[in-house]
Every structure is written in C-alpha cells, then in structure tokens.
Protein backbone atom coordinates (compact mmCIF):
# COMPACT_ATOMS: atom_id res chain seq x y z
CA GLY A 1 1.71 3.23 -14.31
CA PRO A 2 0.57 0.93 -11.53
CA SER A 3 1.02 -2.78 -11.87
CA ARG A 4 -1.63 -5.39 -11.23
CA THR A 5 1.02 -7.71 -9.84
CA LEU A 6 3.35 -7.35 -6.91
CA ARG A 7 7.09 -7.45 -7.27
CA SER A 8 8.55 -10.70 -5.98
CA ASP A 9 10.36 -9.00 -3.09
CA THR A 10 7.10 -7.30 -2.02
CA ALA A 11 5.21 -10.59 -2.26
CA LYS A 12 7.85 -12.35 -0.14
CA ARG A 13 7.59 -9.66 2.55
CA LEU A 14 3.81 -9.94 2.54
CA LEU A 15 3.83 -13.72 2.78
CA ALA A 16 6.32 -13.58 5.65
CA LEU A 17 3.85 -11.63 7.80
CA SER A 18 1.29 -13.20 10.06
CA ALA A 19 -1.32 -11.43 12.15
CA SER A 20 0.13 -13.01 15.31
CA ASP A 21 3.51 -11.40 14.51
CA MET A 22 1.94 -7.96 14.59
CA ARG A 23 1.98 -6.22 17.92
CA PRO A 24 -0.38 -3.30 18.47
CA SER A 25 1.34 0.00 17.84
CA GLU A 26 0.20 3.58 17.89
CA HIS A 27 2.08 4.03 14.60
CA ARG A 28 0.23 1.24 12.80
CA ALA A 29 -2.60 2.74 10.79
CA ILE A 30 -3.41 -0.39 8.78
CA ASP A 31 -5.17 -3.38 10.35
CA ALA A 32 -2.93 -6.44 10.02
CA THR A 33 -5.66 -9.04 10.37
CA GLY A 34 -7.03 -9.00 6.83
CA THR A 35 -5.10 -10.31 3.84
CA ARG A 36 -7.07 -8.10 1.47
CA ARG A 37 -6.28 -5.01 3.51
CA ARG A 38 -2.58 -5.89 3.61
CA LEU A 39 -2.57 -6.43 -0.16
CA GLN A 40 -4.34 -3.11 -0.71
CA ALA A 41 -1.86 -1.32 1.54
CA LEU A 42 1.15 -2.89 -0.17
CA ALA A 43 -0.24 -2.10 -3.63
CA ALA A 44 -0.87 1.51 -2.56
CA ILE A 45 2.65 1.81 -1.15
CA ASP A 46 4.12 0.26 -4.32
CA TRP A 47 2.16 2.67 -6.54
CA ALA A 48 2.96 5.71 -4.38
CA LEU A 49 6.68 4.91 -4.45
CA ALA A 50 6.58 4.77 -8.27
CA ASN A 51 4.87 8.19 -8.47
CA ASP A 52 7.11 11.25 -8.14
CA PHE A 53 4.51 13.37 -6.36
CA TRP A 54 3.21 10.76 -3.92
CA GLN A 55 6.66 9.39 -3.13
CA ALA A 56 7.44 12.72 -1.48
CA HIS A 57 4.07 12.97 0.30
CA ILE A 58 3.31 9.50 1.70
CA LEU A 59 5.82 9.36 4.53
CA SER A 60 3.87 7.52 7.23
CA PRO A 61 1.17 4.86 7.66
CA ALA A 62 -1.21 7.56 8.88
CA LYS A 63 -0.71 9.60 5.69
CA LEU A 64 -1.21 6.45 3.58
CA ARG A 65 -4.50 5.77 5.33
CA ALA A 66 -5.62 9.39 5.01
CA LYS A 67 -4.83 9.55 1.29
CA TYR A 68 -5.69 5.94 0.33
CA GLU A 69 -8.89 6.76 -1.59
CA THR A 70 -7.14 9.52 -3.54
CA LEU A 71 -4.26 7.17 -4.39
CA ARG A 72 -6.71 4.46 -5.45
CA ARG A 73 -8.67 6.82 -7.71
CA GLN A 74 -5.52 8.16 -9.36
CA ALA A 75 -4.11 4.67 -9.91
CA MET A 76 -7.38 3.53 -11.47
CA SER A 77 -7.49 6.62 -13.69
CA GLU A 78 -3.95 5.97 -14.93
CA ARG A 79 -4.77 2.31 -15.52
CA ARG A 80 -7.76 3.27 -17.71
CA LYS A 81 -5.56 5.56 -19.83
CA GLN A 82 -3.20 2.71 -20.72
C-alpha cells in the first residue's frame, strides 16, 4: 500500500528543487511554486508507480493531474484497509 513517508532518494530529489530552477514548460502540469503541491505530486507518483494498474496509465504530468483525485481516493481507501 501507499507509504506516509517518502523514500530517501525521492526526498533528496525534492529537496534539490527550487522554484527558481523551474522554467515554464508546456509539459509541466504541476505548479512548482508550492512545497505542498510538490509533495502531493511526488507522493502520487510514488503511489502510482507501486500500483500495477496506475503504473501503466500515468505516463505524463498531464495524466497525473487529470487523475490525481482518483489516485488520492484509492490511496486513502487502501490505507484505511490496512
């Protein structure tokens, strides 16, 4: 199931980012200015990669954004079952 903590390599990548390092891009679907939003995106990516179905279906930032609420609800549902 989903973890409430980030893996150390994911945390290191997150901490290495700064908003000033981010250049606007048409491919970026996640706002880089908010730490909470970055954490949410990384947690969603981490959970999706650990899920056989979502690993095959979340192939772009746009798809992650479009399916974020569904991913969040499923992760929370799995967490409650544990």
